[in-house]
């Protein structure tokens, strides 16, 4: 199942963006499990972290937003 950015809640989107920048120790366990279940994060020895699919989703979304702003300007 492929998850799109708009399929995520605002909390899930925020968590992925924060995880994309580095460790996110404040991530709530239930939200971490949800992101793992969606295939966007994984459990690691030092905690839950974003995986390749999650990182690709965040980066694709951010680049699309940037390109959209550039085309309007």
N, C-alpha and C. Protein backbone atom coordinates (compact mmCIF):
# COMPACT_ATOMS: atom_id res chain seq x y z
N UNK A 1 0.84 -1.18 0.00
CA UNK A 1 0.00 0.00 0.00
C UNK A 1 0.89 1.25 0.00
N UNK A 2 0.63 2.15 -0.91
CA UNK A 2 1.38 3.39 -0.99
C UNK A 2 0.64 4.48 -0.23
N UNK A 3 1.37 5.15 0.63
CA UNK A 3 0.80 6.23 1.44
C UNK A 3 1.20 7.57 0.83
N UNK A 4 0.23 8.44 0.65
CA UNK A 4 0.51 9.79 0.18
C UNK A 4 0.55 10.77 1.35
N UNK A 5 1.16 11.89 1.13
CA UNK A 5 1.29 12.90 2.18
C UNK A 5 -0.07 13.30 2.75
N UNK A 6 -1.05 13.47 1.88
CA UNK A 6 -2.38 13.89 2.32
C UNK A 6 -3.16 12.79 3.01
N UNK A 7 -2.64 11.55 2.97
CA UNK A 7 -3.26 10.45 3.71
C UNK A 7 -2.88 10.50 5.19
N UNK A 8 -1.85 11.27 5.51
CA UNK A 8 -1.35 11.36 6.88
C UNK A 8 -2.05 12.47 7.65
N UNK A 9 -2.14 12.29 8.96
CA UNK A 9 -2.66 13.36 9.81
C UNK A 9 -1.59 14.44 9.94
N UNK A 10 -1.97 15.59 10.42
CA UNK A 10 -1.00 16.67 10.64
C UNK A 10 0.09 16.23 11.62
N UNK A 11 -0.29 15.49 12.66
CA UNK A 11 0.70 15.00 13.62
C UNK A 11 1.69 14.04 12.97
N UNK A 12 1.21 13.17 12.10
CA UNK A 12 2.08 12.24 11.39
C UNK A 12 3.02 12.99 10.45
N UNK A 13 2.49 13.99 9.75
CA UNK A 13 3.32 14.80 8.86
C UNK A 13 4.41 15.53 9.64
N UNK A 14 4.03 16.14 10.75
CA UNK A 14 4.99 16.86 11.57
C UNK A 14 6.07 15.93 12.11
N UNK A 15 5.66 14.77 12.57
CA UNK A 15 6.63 13.80 13.10
C UNK A 15 7.62 13.37 12.02
N UNK A 16 7.13 13.10 10.83
CA UNK A 16 8.03 12.70 9.74
C UNK A 16 9.00 13.82 9.38
N UNK A 17 8.52 15.04 9.33
CA UNK A 17 9.42 16.16 9.02
C UNK A 17 10.49 16.30 10.10
N UNK A 18 10.11 16.16 11.36
CA UNK A 18 11.09 16.27 12.45
C UNK A 18 12.07 15.10 12.42
N UNK A 19 11.56 13.90 12.15
CA UNK A 19 12.43 12.73 12.08
C UNK A 19 13.40 12.84 10.90
N UNK A 20 12.98 13.50 9.84
CA UNK A 20 13.84 13.68 8.68
C UNK A 20 15.06 14.56 9.01
N UNK A 21 14.91 15.43 10.00
CA UNK A 21 16.01 16.31 10.41
C UNK A 21 16.95 15.66 11.40
N UNK A 22 16.53 14.56 12.02
CA UNK A 22 17.39 13.89 12.98
C UNK A 22 16.58 13.21 14.07
N UNK A 23 17.23 12.80 15.14
CA UNK A 23 16.53 12.11 16.22
C UNK A 23 15.37 12.95 16.76
N UNK A 24 14.30 12.26 17.09
CA UNK A 24 13.09 12.91 17.60
C UNK A 24 12.66 12.18 18.87
N UNK A 25 13.36 12.43 19.98
CA UNK A 25 13.07 11.70 21.22
C UNK A 25 11.69 11.97 21.80
N UNK A 26 11.05 13.06 21.41
CA UNK A 26 9.71 13.39 21.93
C UNK A 26 8.60 12.66 21.20
N UNK A 27 8.94 11.84 20.21
CA UNK A 27 7.94 11.11 19.44
C UNK A 27 7.14 10.19 20.36
N UNK A 28 5.83 10.35 20.34
CA UNK A 28 4.96 9.54 21.19
C UNK A 28 4.96 8.09 20.69
N UNK A 29 4.98 7.14 21.61
CA UNK A 29 5.04 5.72 21.21
C UNK A 29 3.92 5.29 20.26
N UNK A 30 2.70 5.76 20.49
CA UNK A 30 1.59 5.37 19.62
C UNK A 30 1.79 5.91 18.21
N UNK A 31 2.29 7.13 18.10
CA UNK A 31 2.55 7.73 16.79
C UNK A 31 3.71 7.01 16.11
N UNK A 32 4.72 6.65 16.87
CA UNK A 32 5.85 5.89 16.33
C UNK A 32 5.36 4.56 15.76
N UNK A 33 4.52 3.86 16.49
CA UNK A 33 4.00 2.58 16.01
C UNK A 33 3.16 2.76 14.75
N UNK A 34 2.39 3.82 14.70
CA UNK A 34 1.56 4.10 13.52
C UNK A 34 2.45 4.31 12.29
N UNK A 35 3.53 5.09 12.44
CA UNK A 35 4.44 5.35 11.32
C UNK A 35 5.16 4.08 10.89
N UNK A 36 5.49 3.22 11.85
CA UNK A 36 6.10 1.93 11.53
C UNK A 36 5.09 1.07 10.76
N UNK A 37 3.85 1.03 11.23
CA UNK A 37 2.81 0.24 10.56
C UNK A 37 2.56 0.73 9.13
N UNK A 38 2.71 2.04 8.92
CA UNK A 38 2.51 2.61 7.59
C UNK A 38 3.72 2.38 6.68
N UNK A 39 4.81 1.87 7.25
CA UNK A 39 6.01 1.62 6.46
C UNK A 39 6.87 2.84 6.24
N UNK A 40 6.71 3.87 7.11
CA UNK A 40 7.45 5.11 6.95
C UNK A 40 8.55 5.30 7.99
N UNK A 41 8.62 4.41 8.94
CA UNK A 41 9.63 4.49 10.01
C UNK A 41 9.99 3.07 10.41
N UNK A 42 11.06 2.96 11.18
CA UNK A 42 11.49 1.64 11.66
C UNK A 42 12.10 1.77 13.04
N UNK A 43 12.02 0.67 13.77
CA UNK A 43 12.60 0.62 15.10
C UNK A 43 14.10 0.36 14.97
N UNK A 44 14.88 1.12 15.73
CA UNK A 44 16.33 1.01 15.71
C UNK A 44 16.82 0.89 17.14
N UNK A 45 18.07 0.49 17.33
CA UNK A 45 18.59 0.36 18.69
C UNK A 45 18.48 1.65 19.52
N UNK A 46 18.56 2.80 18.87
CA UNK A 46 18.50 4.07 19.59
C UNK A 46 17.14 4.72 19.54
N UNK A 47 16.13 3.98 19.07
CA UNK A 47 14.77 4.51 19.00
C UNK A 47 14.20 4.38 17.61
N UNK A 48 13.04 4.94 17.42
CA UNK A 48 12.36 4.87 16.12
C UNK A 48 12.92 5.97 15.23
N UNK A 49 13.20 5.60 13.98
CA UNK A 49 13.72 6.57 13.02
C UNK A 49 13.01 6.45 11.69
N UNK A 50 13.09 7.50 10.93
CA UNK A 50 12.49 7.51 9.60
C UNK A 50 13.26 6.53 8.72
N UNK A 51 12.54 5.86 7.82
CA UNK A 51 13.21 4.94 6.89
C UNK A 51 13.24 5.57 5.50
N UNK A 52 13.73 4.81 4.53
CA UNK A 52 13.88 5.34 3.17
C UNK A 52 12.54 5.79 2.59
N UNK A 53 11.49 5.01 2.78
CA UNK A 53 10.17 5.37 2.24
C UNK A 53 9.66 6.66 2.88
N UNK A 54 9.84 6.80 4.19
CA UNK A 54 9.41 8.01 4.87
C UNK A 54 10.20 9.22 4.41
N UNK A 55 11.51 9.05 4.27
CA UNK A 55 12.37 10.14 3.81
C UNK A 55 12.01 10.55 2.38
N UNK A 56 11.78 9.57 1.51
CA UNK A 56 11.38 9.87 0.14
C UNK A 56 10.07 10.65 0.10
N UNK A 57 9.12 10.27 0.94
CA UNK A 57 7.84 10.96 0.99
C UNK A 57 8.01 12.41 1.43
N UNK A 58 8.79 12.64 2.48
CA UNK A 58 9.02 14.00 2.98
C UNK A 58 9.72 14.84 1.92
N UNK A 59 10.78 14.32 1.35
CA UNK A 59 11.56 15.10 0.38
C UNK A 59 10.74 15.40 -0.87
N UNK A 60 10.02 14.40 -1.37
CA UNK A 60 9.17 14.61 -2.55
C UNK A 60 8.13 15.69 -2.28
N UNK A 61 7.54 15.66 -1.10
CA UNK A 61 6.51 16.64 -0.73
C UNK A 61 7.11 18.04 -0.63
N UNK A 62 8.26 18.15 0.02
CA UNK A 62 8.89 19.46 0.17
C UNK A 62 9.34 20.03 -1.17
N UNK A 63 9.88 19.19 -2.04
CA UNK A 63 10.30 19.66 -3.36
C UNK A 63 9.10 20.08 -4.21
N UNK A 64 8.02 19.34 -4.12
CA UNK A 64 6.81 19.69 -4.88
C UNK A 64 6.26 21.04 -4.40
N UNK A 65 6.28 21.28 -3.10
CA UNK A 65 5.80 22.55 -2.56
C UNK A 65 6.69 23.69 -3.04
N UNK A 66 8.00 23.46 -3.05
CA UNK A 66 8.94 24.49 -3.49
C UNK A 66 8.73 24.79 -4.98
N UNK A 67 8.57 23.74 -5.78
CA UNK A 67 8.36 23.92 -7.21
C UNK A 67 7.04 24.64 -7.48
N UNK A 68 6.04 24.33 -6.69
CA UNK A 68 4.73 24.97 -6.84
C UNK A 68 4.83 26.45 -6.53
N UNK A 69 5.58 26.82 -5.50
CA UNK A 69 5.76 28.23 -5.16
C UNK A 69 6.56 28.95 -6.26
N UNK A 70 7.56 28.29 -6.78
CA UNK A 70 8.40 28.89 -7.82
C UNK A 70 7.60 29.15 -9.09
N UNK A 71 6.69 28.23 -9.42
CA UNK A 71 5.91 28.40 -10.65
C UNK A 71 4.87 29.52 -10.52
N UNK A 72 4.49 29.83 -9.28
CA UNK A 72 3.52 30.91 -9.06
C UNK A 72 4.20 32.28 -9.03
N UNK A 73 5.50 32.28 -8.77
CA UNK A 73 6.23 33.54 -8.61
C UNK A 73 6.69 34.05 -9.89
